[in-house]
PDB file of N, CA and C in Angstrom:
ATOM      1  N   MET A   1       0.831  -1.185   0.000  1.00  0.00           N
ATOM      2  CA  MET A   1       0.000   0.000   0.000  1.00  0.00           C
ATOM      3  C   MET A   1       0.878   1.252   0.000  1.00  0.00           C
ATOM      4  N   LYS A   2       1.995   1.203   0.693  1.00  0.00           N
ATOM      5  CA  LYS A   2       2.878   2.378   0.716  1.00  0.00           C
ATOM      6  C   LYS A   2       3.395   2.703  -0.677  1.00  0.00           C
ATOM      7  N   GLU A   3       3.705   1.687  -1.465  1.00  0.00           N
ATOM      8  CA  GLU A   3       4.161   1.909  -2.839  1.00  0.00           C
ATOM      9  C   GLU A   3       3.025   2.487  -3.690  1.00  0.00           C
ATOM     10  N   PHE A   4       1.812   1.971  -3.517  1.00  0.00           N
ATOM     11  CA  PHE A   4       0.658   2.503  -4.243  1.00  0.00           C
ATOM     12  C   PHE A   4       0.448   3.978  -3.893  1.00  0.00           C
ATOM     13  N   ILE A   5       0.538   4.311  -2.615  1.00  0.00           N
ATOM     14  CA  ILE A   5       0.365   5.701  -2.178  1.00  0.00           C
ATOM     15  C   ILE A   5       1.413   6.591  -2.830  1.00  0.00           C
ATOM     16  N   ARG A   6       2.644   6.135  -2.873  1.00  0.00           N
ATOM     17  CA  ARG A   6       3.703   6.923  -3.515  1.00  0.00           C
ATOM     18  C   ARG A   6       3.390   7.142  -4.986  1.00  0.00           C
ATOM     19  N   LEU A   7       2.987   6.083  -5.680  1.00  0.00           N
ATOM     20  CA  LEU A   7       2.667   6.188  -7.110  1.00  0.00           C
ATOM     21  C   LEU A   7       1.454   7.081  -7.351  1.00  0.00           C
ATOM     22  N   TYR A   8       0.454   6.977  -6.486  1.00  0.00           N
ATOM     23  CA  TYR A   8      -0.740   7.808  -6.618  1.00  0.00           C
ATOM     24  C   TYR A   8      -0.374   9.285  -6.468  1.00  0.00           C
ATOM     25  N   ARG A   9       0.400   9.593  -5.442  1.00  0.00           N
ATOM     26  CA  ARG A   9       0.818  10.991  -5.232  1.00  0.00           C
ATOM     27  C   ARG A   9       1.598  11.511  -6.430  1.00  0.00           C
ATOM     28  N   GLU A  10       2.474  10.686  -6.947  1.00  0.00           N
ATOM     29  CA  GLU A  10       3.268  11.070  -8.111  1.00  0.00           C
ATOM     30  C   GLU A  10       2.375  11.319  -9.330  1.00  0.00           C
ATOM     31  N   ALA A  11       1.399  10.457  -9.545  1.00  0.00           N
ATOM     32  CA  ALA A  11       0.511  10.574 -10.707  1.00  0.00           C
ATOM     33  C   ALA A  11      -0.379  11.802 -10.625  1.00  0.00           C
ATOM     34  N   THR A  12      -0.780  12.190  -9.435  1.00  0.00           N
ATOM     35  CA  THR A  12      -1.703  13.313  -9.309  1.00  0.00           C
ATOM     36  C   THR A  12      -1.017  14.647  -9.040  1.00  0.00           C
ATOM     37  N   ALA A  13       0.273  14.639  -8.839  1.00  0.00           N
ATOM     38  CA  ALA A  13       0.991  15.886  -8.546  1.00  0.00           C
ATOM     39  C   ALA A  13       0.866  16.907  -9.674  1.00  0.00           C
ATOM     40  N   CYS A  14       0.720  16.436 -10.899  1.00  0.00           N
ATOM     41  CA  CYS A  14       0.638  17.344 -12.042  1.00  0.00           C
ATOM     42  C   CYS A  14      -0.598  18.240 -11.994  1.00  0.00           C
ATOM     43  N   TYR A  15      -1.605  17.884 -11.198  1.00  0.00           N
ATOM     44  CA  TYR A  15      -2.808  18.713 -11.091  1.00  0.00           C
ATOM     45  C   TYR A  15      -2.605  19.913 -10.165  1.00  0.00           C
ATOM     46  N   GLY A  16      -1.559  19.897  -9.383  1.00  0.00           N
ATOM     47  CA  GLY A  16      -1.236  21.032  -8.537  1.00  0.00           C
ATOM     48  C   GLY A  16      -2.369  21.474  -7.625  1.00  0.00           C
ATOM     49  N   GLY A  17      -3.174  20.534  -7.153  1.00  0.00           N
ATOM     50  CA  GLY A  17      -4.263  20.870  -6.257  1.00  0.00           C
ATOM     51  C   GLY A  17      -5.520  21.355  -6.949  1.00  0.00           C
ATOM     52  N   GLN A  18      -5.495  21.412  -8.275  1.00  0.00           N
ATOM     53  CA  GLN A  18      -6.668  21.845  -9.035  1.00  0.00           C
ATOM     54  C   GLN A  18      -7.711  20.720  -9.072  1.00  0.00           C
ATOM     55  N   PRO A  19      -8.977  21.060  -9.301  1.00  0.00           N
ATOM     56  CA  PRO A  19     -10.017  20.034  -9.362  1.00  0.00           C
ATOM     57  C   PRO A  19      -9.701  18.983 -10.427  1.00  0.00           C
ATOM     58  N   HIS A  20      -9.859  17.714 -10.061  1.00  0.00           N
ATOM     59  CA  HIS A  20      -9.638  16.636 -11.016  1.00  0.00           C
ATOM     60  C   HIS A  20     -10.468  15.417 -10.640  1.00  0.00           C
ATOM     61  N   LEU A  21     -10.547  14.485 -11.572  1.00  0.00           N
ATOM     62  CA  LEU A  21     -11.366  13.282 -11.450  1.00  0.00           C
ATOM     63  C   LEU A  21     -10.474  12.056 -11.295  1.00  0.00           C
ATOM     64  N   VAL A  22     -11.010  11.031 -10.650  1.00  0.00           N
ATOM     65  CA  VAL A  22     -10.247   9.800 -10.438  1.00  0.00           C
ATOM     66  C   VAL A  22     -11.110   8.597 -10.815  1.00  0.00           C
ATOM     67  N   LEU A  23     -10.512   7.671 -11.535  1.00  0.00           N
ATOM     68  CA  LEU A  23     -11.120   6.363 -11.760  1.00  0.00           C
ATOM     69  C   LEU A  23     -10.349   5.385 -10.884  1.00  0.00           C
ATOM     70  N   ALA A  24     -11.006   4.895  -9.846  1.00  0.00           N
ATOM     71  CA  ALA A  24     -10.377   3.950  -8.920  1.00  0.00           C
ATOM     72  C   ALA A  24     -10.843   2.545  -9.295  1.00  0.00           C
ATOM     73  N   ASP A  25     -10.093   1.911 -10.186  1.00  0.00           N
ATOM     74  CA  ASP A  25     -10.404   0.546 -10.596  1.00  0.00           C
ATOM     75  C   ASP A  25      -9.724  -0.386  -9.606  1.00  0.00           C
ATOM     76  N   MET A  26     -10.503  -0.871  -8.660  1.00  0.00           N
ATOM     77  CA  MET A  26      -9.954  -1.663  -7.562  1.00  0.00           C
ATOM     78  C   MET A  26     -10.365  -3.119  -7.644  1.00  0.00           C
ATOM     79  N   ARG A  27     -10.695  -3.573  -8.848  1.00  0.00           N
ATOM     80  CA  ARG A  27     -11.170  -4.944  -9.009  1.00  0.00           C
ATOM     81  C   ARG A  27     -10.135  -5.981  -8.597  1.00  0.00           C
ATOM     82  N   SER A  28      -8.868  -5.662  -8.698  1.00  0.00           N
ATOM     83  CA  SER A  28      -7.853  -6.656  -8.333  1.00  0.00           C
ATOM     84  C   SER A  28      -7.389  -6.520  -6.881  1.00  0.00           C
ATOM     85  N   MET A  29      -7.887  -5.524  -6.177  1.00  0.00           N
ATOM     86  CA  MET A  29      -7.471  -5.314  -4.787  1.00  0.00           C
ATOM     87  C   MET A  29      -8.234  -6.250  -3.861  1.00  0.00           C
ATOM     88  N   ARG A  30      -7.498  -6.848  -2.943  1.00  0.00           N
ATOM     89  CA  ARG A  30      -8.133  -7.709  -1.950  1.00  0.00           C
ATOM     90  C   ARG A  30      -8.665  -6.855  -0.805  1.00  0.00           C
ATOM     91  N   ILE A  31      -9.483  -7.437   0.018  1.00  0.00           N
ATOM     92  CA  ILE A  31      -9.989  -6.754   1.206  1.00  0.00           C
ATOM     93  C   ILE A  31      -8.795  -6.400   2.081  1.00  0.00           C
ATOM     94  N   ALA A  32      -8.775  -5.174   2.581  1.00  0.00           N
ATOM     95  CA  ALA A  32      -7.597  -4.667   3.289  1.00  0.00           C
ATOM     96  C   ALA A  32      -7.676  -4.948   4.787  1.00  0.00           C
ATOM     97  N   SER A  33      -6.507  -5.158   5.376  1.00  0.00           N
ATOM     98  CA  SER A  33      -6.402  -5.288   6.823  1.00  0.00           C
ATOM     99  C   SER A  33      -6.662  -3.917   7.450  1.00  0.00           C
ATOM    100  N   LEU A  34      -6.789  -3.870   8.749  1.00  0.00           N
ATOM    101  CA  LEU A  34      -7.028  -2.613   9.444  1.00  0.00           C
ATOM    102  C   LEU A  34      -5.887  -1.621   9.186  1.00  0.00           C
ATOM    103  N   ALA A  35      -4.653  -2.082   9.272  1.00  0.00           N
ATOM    104  CA  ALA A  35      -3.509  -1.187   9.062  1.00  0.00           C
ATOM    105  C   ALA A  35      -3.498  -0.632   7.638  1.00  0.00           C
ATOM    106  N   VAL A  36      -3.754  -1.484   6.668  1.00  0.00           N
ATOM    107  CA  VAL A  36      -3.770  -1.045   5.267  1.00  0.00           C
ATOM    108  C   VAL A  36      -4.947  -0.116   5.019  1.00  0.00           C
ATOM    109  N   SER A  37      -6.092  -0.423   5.595  1.00  0.00           N
ATOM    110  CA  SER A  37      -7.248   0.447   5.380  1.00  0.00           C
ATOM    111  C   SER A  37      -7.032   1.819   6.005  1.00  0.00           C
ATOM    112  N   GLN A  38      -6.301   1.893   7.102  1.00  0.00           N
ATOM    113  CA  GLN A  38      -5.990   3.199   7.694  1.00  0.00           C
ATOM    114  C   GLN A  38      -5.091   4.013   6.763  1.00  0.00           C
ATOM    115  N   LEU A  39      -4.112   3.368   6.148  1.00  0.00           N
ATOM    116  CA  LEU A  39      -3.262   4.064   5.175  1.00  0.00           C
ATOM    117  C   LEU A  39      -4.084   4.532   3.983  1.00  0.00           C
ATOM    118  N   PHE A  40      -4.961   3.671   3.505  1.00  0.00           N
ATOM    119  CA  PHE A  40      -5.787   4.002   2.360  1.00  0.00           C
ATOM    120  C   PHE A  40      -6.754   5.136   2.695  1.00  0.00           C
ATOM    121  N   GLY A  41      -7.327   5.089   3.890  1.00  0.00           N
ATOM    122  CA  GLY A  41      -8.214   6.172   4.331  1.00  0.00           C
ATOM    123  C   GLY A  41      -7.492   7.504   4.379  1.00  0.00           C
ATOM    124  N   GLY A  42      -6.251   7.493   4.844  1.00  0.00           N
ATOM    125  CA  GLY A  42      -5.455   8.727   4.852  1.00  0.00           C
ATOM    126  C   GLY A  42      -5.222   9.246   3.447  1.00  0.00           C
ATOM    127  N   LEU A  43      -5.022   8.344   2.504  1.00  0.00           N
ATOM    128  CA  LEU A  43      -4.834   8.746   1.107  1.00  0.00           C
ATOM    129  C   LEU A  43      -6.114   9.349   0.544  1.00  0.00           C
ATOM    130  N   ILE A  44      -7.255   8.770   0.884  1.00  0.00           N
ATOM    131  CA  ILE A  44      -8.526   9.329   0.432  1.00  0.00           C
ATOM    132  C   ILE A  44      -8.674  10.761   0.947  1.00  0.00           C
ATOM    133  N   HIS A  45      -8.386  10.972   2.218  1.00  0.00           N
ATOM    134  CA  HIS A  45      -8.479  12.314   2.801  1.00  0.00           C
ATOM    135  C   HIS A  45      -7.543  13.285   2.070  1.00  0.00           C
ATOM    136  N   GLU A  46      -6.326  12.858   1.878  1.00  0.00           N
ATOM    137  CA  GLU A  46      -5.334  13.695   1.185  1.00  0.00           C
ATOM    138  C   GLU A  46      -5.792  14.020  -0.234  1.00  0.00           C
ATOM    139  N   ALA A  47      -6.327  13.021  -0.929  1.00  0.00           N
ATOM    140  CA  ALA A  47      -6.776  13.221  -2.307  1.00  0.00           C
ATOM    141  C   ALA A  47      -7.884  14.265  -2.368  1.00  0.00           C
ATOM    142  N   ARG A  48      -8.821  14.199  -1.423  1.00  0.00           N
ATOM    143  CA  ARG A  48      -9.909  15.186  -1.409  1.00  0.00           C
ATOM    144  C   ARG A  48      -9.356  16.580  -1.153  1.00  0.00           C
ATOM    145  N   GLN A  49      -8.366  16.663  -0.297  1.00  0.00           N
ATOM    146  CA  GLN A  49      -7.747  17.960  -0.006  1.00  0.00           C
ATOM    147  C   GLN A  49      -6.947  18.487  -1.195  1.00  0.00           C
ATOM    148  N   GLN A  50      -6.482  17.582  -2.054  1.00  0.00           N
ATOM    149  CA  GLN A  50      -5.661  17.960  -3.205  1.00  0.00           C
ATOM    150  C   GLN A  50      -6.469  18.149  -4.488  1.00  0.00           C
ATOM    151  N   GLY A  51      -7.807  18.170  -4.392  1.00  0.00           N
ATOM    152  CA  GLY A  51      -8.596  18.541  -5.547  1.00  0.00           C
ATOM    153  C   GLY A  51      -9.468  17.490  -6.194  1.00  0.00           C
ATOM    154  N   VAL A  52      -9.543  16.280  -5.656  1.00  0.00           N
ATOM    155  CA  VAL A  52     -10.422  15.278  -6.256  1.00  0.00           C
ATOM    156  C   VAL A  52     -11.871  15.722  -6.049  1.00  0.00           C
ATOM    157  N   VAL A  53     -12.594  15.894  -7.152  1.00  0.00           N
ATOM    158  CA  VAL A  53     -13.986  16.326  -7.079  1.00  0.00           C
ATOM    159  C   VAL A  53     -14.948  15.193  -7.432  1.00  0.00           C
ATOM    160  N   CYS A  54     -14.426  14.102  -7.958  1.00  0.00           N
ATOM    161  CA  CYS A  54     -15.239  12.917  -8.235  1.00  0.00           C
ATOM    162  C   CYS A  54     -14.311  11.719  -8.332  1.00  0.00           C
ATOM    163  N   CYS A  55     -14.700  10.644  -7.654  1.00  0.00           N
ATOM    164  CA  CYS A  55     -13.959   9.392  -7.728  1.00  0.00           C
ATOM    165  C   CYS A  55     -14.931   8.298  -8.122  1.00  0.00           C
ATOM    166  N   ALA A  56     -14.809   7.800  -9.346  1.00  0.00           N
ATOM    167  CA  ALA A  56     -15.621   6.671  -9.793  1.00  0.00           C
ATOM    168  C   ALA A  56     -14.933   5.408  -9.287  1.00  0.00           C
ATOM    169  N   HIS A  57     -15.591   4.729  -8.375  1.00  0.00           N
ATOM    170  CA  HIS A  57     -15.002   3.566  -7.716  1.00  0.00           C
ATOM    171  C   HIS A  57     -15.576   2.282  -8.291  1.00  0.00           C
ATOM    172  N   LEU A  58     -14.714   1.486  -8.884  1.00  0.00           N
ATOM    173  CA  LEU A  58     -15.095   0.216  -9.485  1.00  0.00           C
ATOM    174  C   LEU A  58     -14.474  -0.916  -8.676  1.00  0.00           C
ATOM    175  N   SER A  59     -15.323  -1.773  -8.122  1.00  0.00           N
ATOM    176  CA  SER A  59     -14.807  -2.900  -7.336  1.00  0.00           C
ATOM    177  C   SER A  59     -15.474  -4.186  -7.791  1.00  0.00           C
ATOM    178  N   SER A  60     -14.879  -5.298  -7.386  1.00  0.00           N
ATOM    179  CA  SER A  60     -15.382  -6.594  -7.839  1.00  0.00           C
ATOM    180  C   SER A  60     -16.161  -7.343  -6.764  1.00  0.00           C
ATOM    181  N   THR A  61     -16.081  -6.885  -5.521  1.00  0.00           N
ATOM    182  CA  THR A  61     -16.793  -7.590  -4.460  1.00  0.00           C
ATOM    183  C   THR A  61     -17.598  -6.607  -3.611  1.00  0.00           C
ATOM    184  N   THR A  62     -18.668  -7.097  -3.054  1.00  0.00           N
ATOM    185  CA  THR A  62     -19.510  -6.267  -2.193  1.00  0.00           C
ATOM    186  C   THR A  62     -18.754  -5.837  -0.948  1.00  0.00           C
ATOM    187  N   VAL A  63     -18.010  -6.749  -0.350  1.00  0.00           N
ATOM    188  CA  VAL A  63     -17.271  -6.431   0.871  1.00  0.00           C
ATOM    189  C   VAL A  63     -16.254  -5.325   0.599  1.00  0.00           C
ATOM    190  N   GLN A  64     -15.550  -5.431  -0.500  1.00  0.00           N
ATOM    191  CA  GLN A  64     -14.582  -4.396  -0.855  1.00  0.00           C
ATOM    192  C   GLN A  64     -15.275  -3.053  -1.071  1.00  0.00           C
ATOM    193  N   ARG A  65     -16.398  -3.065  -1.767  1.00  0.00           N
ATOM    194  CA  ARG A  65     -17.152  -1.837  -2.027  1.00  0.00           C
ATOM    195  C   ARG A  65     -17.607  -1.204  -0.713  1.00  0.00           C
ATOM    196  N   LEU A  66     -18.097  -2.015   0.217  1.00  0.00           N
ATOM    197  CA  LEU A  66     -18.530  -1.503   1.516  1.00  0.00           C
ATOM    198  C   LEU A  66     -17.360  -0.952   2.315  1.00  0.00           C
ATOM    199  N   GLN A  67     -16.221  -1.633   2.250  1.00  0.00           N
ATOM    200  CA  GLN A  67     -15.045  -1.170   2.980  1.00  0.00           C
ATOM    201  C   GLN A  67     -14.598   0.196   2.465  1.00  0.00           C
ATOM    202  N   VAL A  68     -14.538   0.358   1.157  1.00  0.00           N
ATOM    203  CA  VAL A  68     -14.120   1.633   0.582  1.00  0.00           C
ATOM    204  C   VAL A  68     -15.161   2.715   0.862  1.00  0.00           C
ATOM    205  N   ALA A  69     -16.430   2.367   0.809  1.00  0.00           N
ATOM    206  CA  ALA A  69     -17.480   3.346   1.113  1.00  0.00           C
ATOM    207  C   ALA A  69     -17.335   3.864   2.544  1.00  0.00           C
ATOM    208  N   ARG A  70     -17.059   2.967   3.465  1.00  0.00           N
ATOM    209  CA  ARG A  70     -16.859   3.375   4.860  1.00  0.00           C
ATOM    210  C   ARG A  70     -15.648   4.282   4.991  1.00  0.00           C
ATOM    211  N   LEU A  71     -14.543   3.910   4.360  1.00  0.00           N
ATOM    212  CA  LEU A  71     -13.335   4.731   4.421  1.00  0.00           C
ATOM    213  C   LEU A  71     -13.576   6.110   3.813  1.00  0.00           C
ATOM    214  N   ALA A  72     -14.270   6.146   2.687  1.00  0.00           N
ATOM    215  CA  ALA A  72     -14.549   7.427   2.035  1.00  0.00           C
ATOM    216  C   ALA A  72     -15.397   8.312   2.942  1.00  0.00           C
ATOM    217  N   ARG A  73     -16.411   7.735   3.573  1.00  0.00           N
ATOM    218  CA  ARG A  73     -17.248   8.518   4.497  1.00  0.00           C
ATOM    219  C   ARG A  73     -16.431   9.041   5.663  1.00  0.00           C
ATOM    220  N   GLU A  74     -15.614   8.190   6.230  1.00  0.00           N
ATOM    221  CA  GLU A  74     -14.819   8.578   7.393  1.00  0.00           C
ATOM    222  C   GLU A  74     -13.807   9.669   7.067  1.00  0.00           C
ATOM    223  N   HIS A  75     -13.263   9.648   5.869  1.00  0.00           N
ATOM    224  CA  HIS A  75     -12.164  10.555   5.535  1.00  0.00           C
ATOM    225  C   HIS A  75     -12.566  11.695   4.616  1.00  0.00           C
ATOM    226  N   SER A  76     -13.823  11.730   4.188  1.00  0.00           N
ATOM    227  CA  SER A  76     -14.289  12.820   3.339  1.00  0.00           C
ATOM    228  C   SER A  76     -15.380  13.637   4.013  1.00  0.00           C
ATOM    229  N   GLY A  77     -15.952  13.102   5.056  1.00  0.00           N
ATOM    230  CA  GLY A  77     -17.028  13.806   5.740  1.00  0.00           C
ATOM    231  C   GLY A  77     -18.269  13.903   4.871  1.00  0.00           C
ATOM    232  N   GLU A  78     -18.991  14.979   5.046  1.00  0.00           N
ATOM    233  CA  GLU A  78     -20.239  15.197   4.315  1.00  0.00           C
ATOM    234  C   GLU A  78     -20.013  15.417   2.825  1.00  0.00           C
ATOM    235  N   SER A  79     -18.800  15.740   2.453  1.00  0.00           N
ATOM    236  CA  SER A  79     -18.523  16.071   1.051  1.00  0.00           C
ATOM    237  C   SER A  79     -17.921  14.892   0.280  1.00  0.00           C
ATOM    238  N   ASP A  80     -18.326  13.681   0.613  1.00  0.00           N
ATOM    239  CA  ASP A  80     -17.785  12.527  -0.094  1.00  0.00           C
ATOM    240  C   ASP A  80     -18.155  12.592  -1.573  1.00  0.00           C
ATOM    241  N   VAL A  81     -17.179  12.415  -2.427  1.00  0.00           N
ATOM    242  CA  VAL A  81     -17.378  12.529  -3.875  1.00  0.00           C
ATOM    243  C   VAL A  81     -17.234  11.180  -4.578  1.00  0.00           C
ATOM    244  N   THR A  82     -17.329  10.092  -3.818  1.00  0.00           N
ATOM    245  CA  THR A  82     -17.202   8.758  -4.386  1.00  0.00           C
ATOM    246  C   THR A  82     -18.515   8.330  -5.024  1.00  0.00           C
ATOM    247  N   ILE A  83     -18.431   7.837  -6.255  1.00  0.00           N
ATOM    248  CA  ILE A  83     -19.581   7.264  -6.940  1.00  0.00           C
ATOM    249  C   ILE A  83     -19.223   5.820  -7.259  1.00  0.00           C
ATOM    250  N   HIS A  84     -20.000   4.899  -6.732  1.00  0.00           N
ATOM    251  CA  HIS A  84     -19.734   3.481  -6.977  1.00  0.00           C
ATOM    252  C   HIS A  84     -20.339   3.079  -8.314  1.00  0.00           C
ATOM    253  N   VAL A  85     -19.530   2.428  -9.137  1.00  0.00           N
ATOM    254  CA  VAL A  85     -19.954   1.994 -10.469  1.00  0.00           C
ATOM    255  C   VAL A  85     -19.760   0.485 -10.586  1.00  0.00           C
ATOM    256  N   THR A  86     -20.426  -0.101 -11.578  1.00  0.00           N
ATOM    257  CA  THR A  86     -20.378  -1.556 -11.712  1.00  0.00           C
ATOM    258  C   THR A  86     -19.601  -2.028 -12.932  1.00  0.00           C
ATOM    259  N   SER A  87     -19.182  -1.093 -13.782  1.00  0.00           N
ATOM    260  CA  SER A  87     -18.408  -1.478 -14.960  1.00  0.00           C
ATOM    261  C   SER A  87     -17.496  -0.331 -15.369  1.00  0.00           C
ATOM    262  N   LEU A  88     -16.504  -0.666 -16.164  1.00  0.00           N
ATOM    263  CA  LEU A  88     -15.598   0.354 -16.672  1.00  0.00           C
ATOM    264  C   LEU A  88     -16.347   1.338 -17.566  1.00  0.00           C
ATOM    265  N   GLU A  89     -17.294   0.847 -18.323  1.00  0.00           N
ATOM    266  CA  GLU A  89     -18.095   1.720 -19.189  1.00  0.00           C
ATOM    267  C   GLU A  89     -18.883   2.724 -18.363  1.00  0.00           C
ATOM    268  N   GLU A  90     -19.506   2.262 -17.281  1.00  0.00           N
ATOM    269  CA  GLU A  90     -20.256   3.173 -16.413  1.00  0.00           C
ATOM    270  C   GLU A  90     -19.318   4.194 -15.775  1.00  0.00           C
ATOM    271  N   ALA A  91     -18.133   3.767 -15.373  1.00  0.00           N
ATOM    272  CA  ALA A  91     -17.160   4.691 -14.793  1.00  0.00           C
ATOM    273  C   ALA A  91     -16.814   5.795 -15.786  1.00  0.00           C
ATOM    274  N   ARG A  92     -16.576   5.419 -17.023  1.00  0.00           N
ATOM    275  CA  ARG A  92     -16.250   6.415 -18.049  1.00  0.00           C
ATOM    276  C   ARG A  92     -17.398   7.382 -18.270  1.00  0.00           C
ATOM    277  N   GLU A  93     -18.635   6.879 -18.270  1.00  0.00           N
ATOM    278  CA  GLU A  93     -19.805   7.745 -18.437  1.00  0.00           C
ATOM    279  C   GLU A  93     -19.924   8.727 -17.278  1.00  0.00           C
ATOM    280  N   VAL A  94     -19.757   8.237 -16.065  1.00  0.00           N
ATOM    281  CA  VAL A  94     -19.838   9.089 -14.879  1.00  0.00           C
ATOM    282  C   VAL A  94     -18.775  10.179 -14.940  1.00  0.00           C
ATOM    283  N   LEU A  95     -17.553   9.786 -15.262  1.00  0.00           N
ATOM    284  CA  LEU A  95     -16.465  10.762 -15.297  1.00  0.00           C
ATOM    285  C   LEU A  95     -16.638  11.761 -16.434  1.00  0.00           C
ATOM    286  N   GLU A  96     -17.152  11.330 -17.563  1.00  0.00           N
ATOM    287  CA  GLU A  96     -17.392  12.259 -18.671  1.00  0.00           C
ATOM    288  C   GLU A  96     -18.454  13.289 -18.279  1.00  0.00           C
ATOM    289  N   ALA A  97     -19.499  12.846 -17.599  1.00  0.00           N
ATOM    290  CA  ALA A  97     -20.537  13.774 -17.132  1.00  0.00           C
ATOM    291  C   ALA A  97     -19.955  14.763 -16.128  1.00  0.00           C
ATOM    292  N   GLN A  98     -19.115  14.286 -15.238  1.00  0.00           N
ATOM    293  CA  GLN A  98     -18.484  15.173 -14.256  1.00  0.00           C
ATOM    294  C   GLN A  98     -17.520  16.145 -14.931  1.00  0.00           C
ATOM    295  N   ARG A  99     -16.791  15.660 -15.925  1.00  0.00           N
ATOM    296  CA  ARG A  99     -15.865  16.514 -16.669  1.00  0.00           C
ATOM    297  C   ARG A  99     -16.636  17.637 -17.364  1.00  0.00           C
ATOM    298  N   SER A 100     -17.751  17.311 -17.972  1.00  0.00           N
ATOM    299  CA  SER A 100     -18.587  18.316 -18.628  1.00  0.00           C
ATOM    300  C   SER A 100     -19.084  19.342 -17.621  1.00  0.00           C
ATOM    301  N   ARG A 101     -19.485  18.880 -16.447  1.00  0.00           N
ATOM    302  CA  ARG A 101     -19.945  19.777 -15.388  1.00  0.00           C
ATOM    303  C   ARG A 101     -18.828  20.713 -14.953  1.00  0.00           C
ATOM    304  N   LEU A 102     -17.618  20.181 -14.790  1.00  0.00           N
ATOM    305  CA  LEU A 102     -16.481  21.018 -14.390  1.00  0.00           C
ATOM    306  C   LEU A 102     -16.171  22.081 -15.438  1.00  0.00           C
ATOM    307  N   ILE A 103     -16.223  21.699 -16.700  1.00  0.00           N
ATOM    308  CA  ILE A 103     -15.949  22.649 -17.779  1.00  0.00           C
ATOM    309  C   ILE A 103     -16.994  23.754 -17.772  1.00  0.00           C
ATOM    310  N   LEU A 104     -18.251  23.380 -17.628  1.00  0.00           N
ATOM    311  CA  LEU A 104     -19.326  24.365 -17.595  1.00  0.00           C
ATOM    312  C   LEU A 104     -19.173  25.304 -16.403  1.00  0.00           C
ATOM    313  N   GLU A 105     -18.850  24.760 -15.237  1.00  0.00           N
ATOM    314  CA  GLU A 105     -18.650  25.592 -14.050  1.00  0.00           C
ATOM    315  C   GLU A 105     -17.481  26.551 -14.246  1.00  0.00           C
ATOM    316  N   ALA A 106     -16.409  26.078 -14.859  1.00  0.00           N
ATOM    317  CA  ALA A 106     -15.252  26.937 -15.095  1.00  0.00           C
ATOM    318  C   ALA A 106     -15.609  28.065 -16.051  1.00  0.00           C
ATOM    319  N   GLN A 107     -16.353  27.759 -17.088  1.00  0.00           N
ATOM    320  CA  GLN A 107     -16.760  28.779 -18.056  1.00  0.00           C
ATOM    321  C   GLN A 107     -17.705  29.788 -17.404  1.00  0.00           C
ATOM    322  N   THR A 108     -18.606  29.314 -16.582  1.00  0.00           N
ATOM    323  CA  THR A 108     -19.573  30.193 -15.920  1.00  0.00           C
ATOM    324  C   THR A 108     -18.876  31.110 -14.915  1.00  0.00           C
ATOM    325  N   SER A 109     -17.889  30.582 -14.203  1.00  0.00           N
ATOM    326  CA  SER A 109     -17.216  31.396 -13.184  1.00  0.00           C
ATOM    327  C   SER A 109     -16.339  32.484 -13.792  1.00  0.00           C
ATOM    328  N   ARG A 110     -15.952  32.334 -15.055  1.00  0.00           N
ATOM    329  CA  ARG A 110     -15.138  33.357 -15.708  1.00  0.00           C
ATOM    330  C   ARG A 110     -15.967  34.560 -16.125  1.00  0.00           C
ATOM    331  N   GLY A 111     -17.274  34.375 -16.189  1.00  0.00           N
ATOM    332  CA  GLY A 111     -18.150  35.477 -16.595  1.00  0.00           C
ATOM    333  C   GLY A 111     -18.124  35.683 -18.096  1.00  0.00           C
ATOM    334  N   PRO A 112     -18.753  36.745 -18.543  1.00  0.00           N
ATOM    335  CA  PRO A 112     -18.821  36.997 -19.988  1.00  0.00           C
ATOM    336  C   PRO A 112     -17.429  37.222 -20.576  1.00  0.00           C
ATOM    337  N   HIS A 113     -17.277  36.755 -21.787  1.00  0.00           N
ATOM    338  CA  HIS A 113     -15.989  36.910 -22.483  1.00  0.00           C
ATOM    339  C   HIS A 113     -15.789  38.370 -22.858  1.00  0.00           C
ATOM    340  N   ARG A 114     -14.629  38.883 -22.567  1.00  0.00           N
ATOM    341  CA  ARG A 114     -14.312  40.260 -22.919  1.00  0.00           C
ATOM    342  C   ARG A 114     -13.089  40.265 -23.828  1.00  0.00           C
ATOM    343  N   PRO A 115     -13.172  41.028 -24.915  1.00  0.00           N
ATOM    344  CA  PRO A 115     -12.032  41.068 -25.858  1.00  0.00           C
ATOM    345  C   PRO A 115     -10.802  41.692 -25.260  1.00  0.00           C
TER     346      PRO A 115
END
């Protein structure tokens, strides 16, 4: 898990804390021990603080999905942005919809275009 955390931080550093989306394909991840889940929960908290505005979570087991849902609630509070999906196609659809929403919000916040 420590290696995954290092790689995750490295992969997301390019966003510089700006809003971004995550596809968490966790189908190959086994159910985590308490120690590993605490590390993972800390990463979820850090990710939310670093700009994750939507995380499409894809898992292969109900127990894993419940474990991640609990961790996300504990480490994101009321502003949990995790959306559980059942397929890679659904994850892509969810993220595309969120991406469109982010683009629209960015355009709206800039106000009218001025030459």
